Amino acid sequence: MKRVVLGFLTVLAIVTAGIFLSGCLSIGLEADLFPGLQSSTLSGGAEKIRADWSSLTPYTAQAAQYRYYTPYSGSGELLPDENYGVLLPYIGAEVALSGHAVDALPLYGLVTADGQIVTEPVYTEILTSYKPFLLLYRAQDIYHSKMTVAARDGRWVRDAGDWREVLLLEDDTNPRLALSNGDGSVWILNADGSMAAEFTRDMLEPYLGTGYEWGDPLTGYIEGCALSYEHGLLTAAYFDEESPWGNYWRYECFMDPETGTVNGTPSAHWTPDNEWSYENPPEFEGYSYPEEVEDLVTGTRYYSAYPEHDGWDDDWTLDLLDKNGRALMKNCLASTALQWRPIVADGMLGAVRDGVFTYTQIATGDIMFRYQLHTNSD
């Protein structure tokens, strides 16, 4: 008898709940499907329910804040133009990956300092540290990228050919760029994009041997020849654990960028750079792992660092600090594989947050550029 009563009560509860849910669903559906009824009386039997959503604020997505430069390069290569002004990188797309060490990779585009988009986000990497050159990489396949070299202000652009390695020949008055190529040659480019010197395969084979190849930084130099720049000379060397120089490199020839000549021996006073120097970052109270961030335009030094807090969690956001450790912008970037450090350019901080990349004035907090990231499915 007890089992029958319990069974009857269970059925009664289910039926009652079903009637109640049915009424709620019908009211919800009427409100959703017939917006005109949202502020009127809905009747169901003897009961009347009035829906009033006037106090709710509709969701609005962050508005894009940019315009397109004319003429626009679009998804093609950067078009040279003397009127861009300095060009800044922006993260404009997120490419999701599967079966890799990271879940997503960024794609970069170029924008002017006043927020005019010059190219779509088509580059897998943009390097700005080779001043006054801009290095733009587009993936060809998983192991190879096509590189374009340009002026920092985009006034000239040139294809880098079948490049292997890139070196900046630092000089306060005459900075140049050296590139080793798949055809065995070495180019040296002036700051205006012109060819300062070229060392051809015919010039180098007597020293490096027939059929030599330049090494690739991705695959190493165990078999290929390495290019380096030391004390005013470009050197070509093979890995050798018994190197007479004591640095695991056997130097085969020396290229002089000034004269365009090649020799098998250096001048008497030349020695390789066997010592590496590293400057430890400063320590700032209340912060961990500070890392230097240089303004791409002004050269001003900043630091990004994690505020110290107890415990381990996912809330690892970065603050931007001045050279004295004073916080200029808090919680400015959630460090991820998509962007692990902020970009600082022309007094603005560039960072991805909630699927949007922005350039924000550090001094005022004003947003100067806002771009919604694209994804694989867009």
Protein backbone atom coordinates (compact mmCIF):
# COMPACT_ATOMS: atom_id res chain seq x y z
CA MET A 1 0.00 0.00 0.00
CA LYS A 2 2.83 2.38 0.83
CA ARG A 3 4.44 1.67 -2.56
CA VAL A 4 1.17 2.50 -4.37
CA VAL A 5 0.74 5.79 -2.49
CA LEU A 6 4.36 6.81 -3.22
CA GLY A 7 3.92 5.94 -6.88
CA PHE A 8 0.71 7.98 -7.10
CA LEU A 9 2.38 10.99 -5.46
CA THR A 10 5.34 10.77 -7.84
CA VAL A 11 3.08 10.76 -10.90
CA LEU A 12 1.06 13.66 -9.48
CA ALA A 13 4.27 15.71 -8.91
CA ILE A 14 5.47 15.09 -12.46
CA VAL A 15 2.12 16.06 -14.00
CA THR A 16 1.93 19.22 -11.86
CA ALA A 17 5.49 20.20 -12.77
CA GLY A 18 4.75 19.57 -16.45
CA ILE A 19 1.70 21.85 -16.38
CA PHE A 20 3.72 24.56 -14.62
CA LEU A 21 6.66 24.30 -17.05
CA SER A 22 4.28 24.24 -20.01
CA GLY A 23 2.76 27.51 -18.89
CA CYS A 24 6.17 29.08 -18.33
CA LEU A 25 7.44 27.92 -21.72
CA SER A 26 4.35 29.16 -23.52
CA ILE A 27 4.69 32.57 -21.88
CA GLY A 28 8.41 32.68 -22.71
CA LEU A 29 7.79 31.65 -26.31
CA GLU A 30 5.01 34.21 -26.74
CA ALA A 31 7.29 36.94 -25.40
CA ASP A 32 10.15 35.87 -27.65
CA LEU A 33 8.15 35.32 -30.81
CA PHE A 34 5.81 38.30 -30.41
CA PRO A 35 7.74 41.30 -29.15
CA GLY A 36 4.54 43.38 -29.13
CA LEU A 37 3.33 41.35 -26.17
CA GLN A 38 6.39 42.07 -24.03
CA SER A 39 4.77 45.07 -22.30
CA SER A 40 1.17 43.85 -22.48
CA THR A 41 -0.83 41.43 -20.36
CA LEU A 42 -0.51 37.75 -21.19
CA SER A 43 -3.42 35.65 -19.98
CA GLY A 44 -3.32 32.00 -19.14
CA GLY A 45 -6.52 30.79 -17.53
CA ALA A 46 -7.41 33.02 -14.60
CA GLU A 47 -3.84 34.31 -14.10
CA LYS A 48 -2.32 37.35 -15.79
CA ILE A 49 1.43 37.96 -16.07
CA ARG A 50 2.91 41.25 -17.19
CA ALA A 51 6.42 41.27 -18.71
CA ASP A 52 8.32 44.53 -18.36
CA TRP A 53 11.93 44.52 -19.57
CA SER A 54 12.35 48.26 -19.92
CA SER A 55 15.10 48.34 -17.29
CA LEU A 56 17.33 45.86 -19.17
CA THR A 57 20.18 47.30 -21.25
CA PRO A 58 20.60 45.67 -24.69
CA TYR A 59 24.02 44.11 -25.38
CA THR A 60 26.16 46.13 -27.75
CA ALA A 61 29.46 44.87 -29.13
CA GLN A 62 32.55 47.08 -28.94
CA ALA A 63 32.51 49.34 -31.98
CA ALA A 64 35.41 49.05 -34.40
CA GLN A 65 37.64 52.10 -34.42
CA TYR A 66 39.76 52.38 -37.55
CA ARG A 67 39.63 53.40 -41.20
CA TYR A 68 41.39 52.15 -44.31
CA TYR A 69 44.37 53.86 -45.87
CA THR A 70 44.03 54.80 -49.54
CA PRO A 71 45.36 53.04 -51.57
CA TYR A 72 44.68 49.95 -49.46
CA SER A 73 47.04 46.95 -49.73
CA GLY A 74 44.27 44.56 -48.62
CA SER A 75 45.32 40.92 -48.29
CA GLY A 76 48.23 41.36 -50.70
CA GLU A 77 51.79 42.45 -50.06
CA LEU A 78 52.49 45.83 -48.51
CA LEU A 79 52.37 48.53 -51.18
CA PRO A 80 55.15 51.14 -50.94
CA ASP A 81 54.01 54.68 -50.17
CA GLU A 82 55.92 57.74 -48.98
CA ASN A 83 53.00 59.11 -46.97
CA TYR A 84 52.26 56.36 -44.43
CA GLY A 85 54.40 57.68 -41.64
CA VAL A 86 55.67 55.07 -39.21
CA LEU A 87 53.90 51.68 -39.55
CA LEU A 88 52.80 49.74 -36.48
CA PRO A 89 51.91 46.04 -36.19
CA TYR A 90 48.49 44.95 -34.96
CA ILE A 91 47.10 41.50 -34.16
CA GLY A 92 44.05 41.02 -36.34
CA ALA A 93 43.38 37.28 -36.51
CA GLU A 94 43.59 34.18 -34.37
CA VAL A 95 44.38 30.92 -36.14
CA ALA A 96 43.26 27.96 -34.03
CA LEU A 97 45.53 24.90 -34.10
CA SER A 98 45.11 21.27 -33.14
CA GLY A 99 47.81 18.77 -32.30
CA HIS A 100 50.40 21.50 -31.57
CA ALA A 101 52.07 22.85 -28.45
CA VAL A 102 49.86 25.96 -28.55
CA ASP A 103 46.13 26.29 -29.23
CA ALA A 104 46.28 29.38 -31.44
CA LEU A 105 48.66 31.64 -33.32
CA PRO A 106 48.25 35.32 -34.20
CA LEU A 107 48.25 36.91 -37.64
CA TYR A 108 49.49 40.47 -37.94
CA GLY A 109 48.67 43.45 -40.12
CA LEU A 110 50.03 46.98 -40.43
CA VAL A 111 48.36 50.21 -39.35
CA THR A 112 49.47 53.85 -39.35
CA ALA A 113 50.00 55.70 -36.08
CA ASP A 114 46.67 57.51 -36.55
CA GLY A 115 44.66 54.29 -36.98
CA GLN A 116 44.52 53.75 -40.75
CA ILE A 117 44.77 50.07 -41.72
CA VAL A 118 47.36 49.49 -44.45
CA THR A 119 47.22 45.68 -44.76
CA GLU A 120 44.92 42.90 -43.66
CA PRO A 121 46.26 40.56 -40.92
CA VAL A 122 48.14 38.28 -43.33
CA TYR A 123 51.61 38.08 -41.74
CA THR A 124 52.67 35.28 -39.41
CA GLU A 125 55.33 37.54 -37.91
CA ILE A 126 56.40 41.18 -38.10
CA LEU A 127 59.83 42.05 -36.70
CA THR A 128 60.49 45.66 -35.78
CA SER A 129 63.78 45.20 -33.92
CA TYR A 130 65.92 45.46 -37.08
CA LYS A 131 65.80 49.27 -37.17
CA PRO A 132 65.40 50.97 -39.60
CA PHE A 133 64.11 47.88 -41.42
CA LEU A 134 60.76 46.12 -41.14
CA LEU A 135 60.70 42.33 -41.69
CA LEU A 136 57.36 40.85 -42.80
CA TYR A 137 56.86 37.07 -42.86
CA ARG A 138 54.08 35.16 -44.64
CA ALA A 139 53.85 31.39 -44.15
CA GLN A 140 54.41 29.25 -47.24
CA ASP A 141 54.10 25.96 -45.39
CA ILE A 142 54.81 24.66 -41.91
CA TYR A 143 58.59 25.05 -42.34
CA HIS A 144 59.03 27.98 -44.72
CA SER A 145 58.05 31.64 -44.82
CA LYS A 146 58.30 34.27 -47.51
CA MET A 147 59.99 37.39 -46.20
CA THR A 148 59.53 40.95 -47.39
CA VAL A 149 61.88 43.72 -46.28
CA ALA A 150 60.52 47.26 -46.02
CA ALA A 151 61.34 50.66 -44.60
CA ARG A 152 59.82 51.34 -41.19
CA ASP A 153 57.63 53.98 -42.84
CA GLY A 154 56.82 51.79 -45.86
CA ARG A 155 58.36 54.13 -48.42
CA TRP A 156 60.10 51.16 -50.09
CA VAL A 157 59.37 47.43 -50.14
CA ARG A 158 61.37 44.58 -51.67
CA ASP A 159 61.18 40.78 -51.80
CA ALA A 160 63.93 39.10 -49.75
CA GLY A 161 64.26 36.18 -52.15
CA ASP A 162 64.96 32.65 -50.94
CA TRP A 163 66.38 33.89 -47.64
CA ARG A 164 68.12 31.78 -44.99
CA GLU A 165 69.39 34.12 -42.29
CA VAL A 166 69.10 37.84 -41.55
CA LEU A 167 71.61 39.98 -39.68
CA LEU A 168 71.52 43.65 -38.75
CA LEU A 169 74.86 45.38 -39.33
CA GLU A 170 74.45 47.92 -36.56
CA ASP A 171 75.95 51.32 -37.17
CA ASP A 172 74.74 54.64 -35.79
CA THR A 173 75.21 56.39 -39.12
CA ASN A 174 74.93 53.57 -41.67
CA PRO A 175 72.79 50.60 -40.53
CA ARG A 176 72.51 47.82 -43.11
CA LEU A 177 70.88 44.42 -43.43
CA ALA A 178 72.67 41.21 -44.47
CA LEU A 179 70.79 38.20 -45.85
CA SER A 180 72.09 34.76 -46.84
CA ASN A 181 70.15 33.17 -49.71
CA GLY A 182 69.30 29.76 -51.12
CA ASP A 183 71.41 30.43 -54.22
CA GLY A 184 74.48 30.72 -51.98
CA SER A 185 74.81 34.49 -52.21
CA VAL A 186 74.86 37.11 -49.48
CA TRP A 187 73.08 40.46 -49.94
CA ILE A 188 73.74 43.62 -48.01
CA LEU A 189 70.95 46.21 -48.18
CA ASN A 190 71.23 49.90 -47.42
CA ALA A 191 68.65 51.71 -45.28
CA ASP A 192 66.98 52.95 -48.47
CA GLY A 193 66.51 49.38 -49.77
CA SER A 194 69.28 49.57 -52.38
CA MET A 195 71.97 46.89 -52.69
CA ALA A 196 75.13 47.94 -50.87
CA ALA A 197 77.09 44.81 -51.80
CA GLU A 198 76.56 41.26 -53.03
CA PHE A 199 78.79 38.27 -52.46
CA THR A 200 77.94 35.65 -55.09
CA ARG A 201 78.40 31.89 -55.03
CA ASP A 202 81.33 32.23 -57.43
CA MET A 203 83.07 34.51 -54.95
CA LEU A 204 82.47 32.20 -51.96
CA GLU A 205 82.90 28.67 -53.38
CA PRO A 206 86.74 28.80 -53.33
CA TYR A 207 86.50 29.11 -49.55
CA LEU A 208 83.30 27.21 -48.69
CA GLY A 209 83.53 24.37 -51.21
CA THR A 210 81.42 23.37 -54.20
CA GLY A 211 77.74 22.91 -53.41
CA TYR A 212 77.86 24.64 -50.01
CA GLU A 213 74.57 25.69 -48.43
CA TRP A 214 73.76 28.28 -45.83
CA GLY A 215 72.33 26.93 -42.60
CA ASP A 216 68.79 27.64 -41.53
CA PRO A 217 68.18 29.00 -38.00
CA LEU A 218 65.19 26.64 -37.71
CA THR A 219 67.10 23.44 -38.52
CA GLY A 220 70.49 24.44 -37.14
CA TYR A 221 74.00 24.71 -38.54
CA ILE A 222 75.36 21.21 -38.00
CA GLU A 223 75.59 20.69 -41.76
CA GLY A 224 75.06 24.16 -43.23
CA CYS A 225 77.33 27.17 -43.16
CA ALA A 226 76.57 29.91 -40.61
CA LEU A 227 76.66 33.62 -41.35
CA SER A 228 77.61 36.08 -38.61
CA TYR A 229 78.79 39.66 -38.22
CA GLU A 230 81.69 40.37 -35.90
CA HIS A 231 83.86 43.45 -35.59
CA GLY A 232 83.01 44.90 -38.98
CA LEU A 233 83.30 41.68 -40.99
CA LEU A 234 80.76 39.12 -42.17
CA THR A 235 82.01 35.61 -41.48
CA ALA A 236 81.13 32.22 -42.92
CA ALA A 237 81.84 29.32 -40.57
CA TYR A 238 81.13 25.63 -40.03
CA PHE A 239 80.41 24.03 -36.66
CA ASP A 240 83.59 22.45 -35.32
CA GLU A 241 84.07 21.21 -31.74
CA GLU A 242 87.85 21.48 -32.22
CA SER A 243 87.80 25.07 -33.45
CA PRO A 244 91.14 26.85 -33.00
CA TRP A 245 89.16 29.91 -31.89
CA GLY A 246 87.72 28.03 -28.90
CA ASN A 247 84.09 28.79 -29.79
CA TYR A 248 83.05 25.69 -31.83
CA TRP A 249 83.27 27.57 -35.15
CA ARG A 250 85.76 27.06 -37.97
CA TYR A 251 85.89 30.29 -39.95
CA GLU A 252 86.32 29.72 -43.68
CA CYS A 253 86.13 33.23 -45.08
CA PHE A 254 85.63 36.87 -44.18
CA MET A 255 83.51 39.33 -46.21
CA ASP A 256 84.14 43.05 -45.97
CA PRO A 257 80.88 45.02 -46.47
CA GLU A 258 82.82 48.23 -47.13
CA THR A 259 85.00 46.96 -49.98
CA GLY A 260 82.94 44.01 -51.24
CA THR A 261 85.99 41.72 -51.03
CA VAL A 262 86.40 38.18 -49.64
CA ASN A 263 89.49 36.80 -47.85
CA GLY A 264 90.41 33.52 -46.22
CA THR A 265 91.99 35.22 -43.21
CA PRO A 266 90.97 38.28 -41.20
CA SER A 267 93.13 41.24 -40.36
CA ALA A 268 95.71 40.75 -37.64
CA HIS A 269 93.69 42.50 -34.94
CA TRP A 270 90.40 40.64 -35.60
CA THR A 271 89.04 38.26 -32.93
CA PRO A 272 85.61 36.58 -32.67
CA ASP A 273 83.01 37.45 -30.06
CA ASN A 274 83.41 34.54 -27.66
CA GLU A 275 81.78 36.20 -24.68
CA TRP A 276 78.05 36.71 -24.33
CA SER A 277 76.70 39.45 -22.13
CA TYR A 278 73.28 39.47 -20.50
CA GLU A 279 71.79 42.29 -18.46
CA ASN A 280 69.51 41.11 -15.69
CA PRO A 281 66.21 43.02 -15.52
CA PRO A 282 65.68 45.24 -12.47
CA GLU A 283 63.64 44.07 -9.50
CA PHE A 284 60.44 45.97 -8.68
CA GLU A 285 58.67 45.62 -5.35
CA GLY A 286 55.35 43.80 -5.67
CA TYR A 287 56.13 42.38 -9.13
CA SER A 288 57.56 39.20 -10.61
CA TYR A 289 59.32 38.45 -13.92
CA PRO A 290 59.76 42.02 -15.24
CA GLU A 291 60.66 42.18 -18.91
CA GLU A 292 61.84 45.16 -20.91
CA VAL A 293 59.49 46.54 -23.56
CA GLU A 294 60.83 49.26 -25.87
CA ASP A 295 58.61 51.76 -27.63
CA LEU A 296 58.91 50.88 -31.33
CA VAL A 297 58.87 54.54 -32.33
CA THR A 298 60.39 56.61 -29.54
CA GLY A 299 62.72 54.00 -28.02
CA THR A 300 61.40 54.75 -24.51
CA ARG A 301 62.01 51.85 -22.12
CA TYR A 302 59.09 50.28 -20.26
CA TYR A 303 58.65 47.02 -18.38
CA SER A 304 55.86 44.48 -18.28
CA ALA A 305 55.54 42.44 -15.10
CA TYR A 306 53.17 40.20 -13.14
CA PRO A 307 51.77 41.56 -9.87
CA GLU A 308 52.72 39.23 -7.03
CA HIS A 309 49.80 37.32 -5.49
CA ASP A 310 49.28 34.20 -3.41
CA GLY A 311 48.38 30.87 -4.93
CA TRP A 312 48.36 29.51 -8.47
CA ASP A 313 45.45 30.32 -10.73
CA ASP A 314 44.69 31.46 -14.26
CA ASP A 315 44.60 35.15 -13.35
CA TRP A 316 48.09 36.00 -14.61
CA THR A 317 47.71 39.48 -16.04
CA LEU A 318 50.47 41.97 -16.79
CA ASP A 319 50.95 45.54 -15.67
CA LEU A 320 52.93 48.10 -17.68
CA LEU A 321 55.59 49.88 -15.61
CA ASP A 322 57.92 52.80 -16.25
CA LYS A 323 61.68 52.42 -15.83
CA ASN A 324 61.33 53.09 -12.09
CA GLY A 325 58.72 50.39 -11.53
CA ARG A 326 55.73 52.73 -11.28
CA ALA A 327 52.55 51.19 -12.68
CA LEU A 328 51.32 53.10 -15.74
CA MET A 329 48.58 50.69 -16.82
CA LYS A 330 47.26 47.87 -14.65
CA ASN A 331 45.81 44.61 -15.88
CA CYS A 332 46.72 45.61 -19.42
CA LEU A 333 47.24 42.14 -20.89
CA ALA A 334 46.28 38.58 -20.04
CA SER A 335 49.44 36.82 -21.23
CA THR A 336 48.59 33.93 -23.58
CA ALA A 337 50.11 32.14 -26.56
CA LEU A 338 48.26 34.66 -28.75
CA GLN A 339 50.13 37.56 -27.15
CA TRP A 340 52.53 37.02 -24.29
CA ARG A 341 53.85 40.57 -24.00
CA PRO A 342 52.38 44.00 -24.79
CA ILE A 343 53.34 46.10 -27.82
CA VAL A 344 54.31 49.70 -27.09
CA ALA A 345 54.48 52.13 -30.00
CA ASP A 346 54.41 55.92 -30.19
CA GLY A 347 53.24 56.23 -26.57
CA MET A 348 50.44 53.69 -27.06
CA LEU A 349 49.97 50.21 -25.65
CA GLY A 350 48.79 47.51 -28.04
CA ALA A 351 47.10 44.46 -26.53
CA VAL A 352 44.46 41.80 -27.17
CA ARG A 353 41.58 41.62 -24.69
CA ASP A 354 38.32 39.69 -25.08
CA GLY A 355 38.92 39.08 -28.78
CA VAL A 356 39.69 42.73 -29.59
CA PHE A 357 43.06 44.36 -30.30
CA THR A 358 43.43 47.98 -29.22
CA TYR A 359 46.05 50.69 -29.21
CA THR A 360 45.50 52.82 -26.10
CA GLN A 361 47.28 56.05 -25.18
CA ILE A 362 49.37 55.29 -22.09
CA ALA A 363 49.17 58.85 -20.77
CA THR A 364 45.41 59.39 -21.13
CA GLY A 365 43.81 55.96 -21.53
CA ASP A 366 42.14 57.05 -24.79
CA ILE A 367 41.62 54.25 -27.31
CA MET A 368 43.10 55.21 -30.67
CA PHE A 369 42.56 51.94 -32.57
CA ARG A 370 40.17 49.02 -32.03
CA TYR A 371 39.97 45.90 -34.22
CA GLN A 372 37.85 42.77 -33.74
CA LEU A 373 39.99 39.65 -34.26
CA HIS A 374 39.07 37.28 -37.08
CA THR A 375 39.16 33.50 -36.59
CA ASN A 376 39.49 30.43 -38.82
CA SER A 377 35.73 30.28 -39.29
CA ASP A 378 35.33 33.91 -40.43
